[in-house]
Amino acid sequence: LNKQLAMFVDGNQCDWDTKIPLFLMAYRATPHQTTAYSPAQLIYGRDLRLPDILVRPPAEHPEQIDTSYALDLRTNLESMRRFAQEEAKLKMRTQKEVFDRR
C-alpha cells in the first residue's frame, strides 16, 4: 500500500495525507488478484456505493462546478480510479504469467 500511495502523491510528496481517504476508498472498492473480490465485497457482501463520478462520465461542462473542493475531489477520484484500474490490470497480467509458467 505504501508504494501505491507514494506513486499517487505529487512529486514532492507534501500532499500524501490528503490522498489517504480517496486512496483507501479506491483500494477497498478494487477487486484483489488473490480473492477476485474487493475488500468491501468480502466485508459487507456487496460493492461500495461510490460517488457518481466513478460510475459515469464526468459532466460535459465541468466549469459549472464553482467550488475548488468539488473540482479537486473530481480530479482526485478520476485519478484514483484510473490508478486502481491500471494496478488491477498489472496484477492480472503478473498472475497470468505466473500461472502460465506452471
Foldseek 3Di string as FASTA:
>chain_A
DVVLLVVPADPVNPCSVVLVVLLVLLQQQFQDPVPSGGVCCVVVVDGDDDPVVLVDPDDPDVVVDPDPVVVVVSVSNVSSSVSSVVVRVVVVVVVVVVVVVD
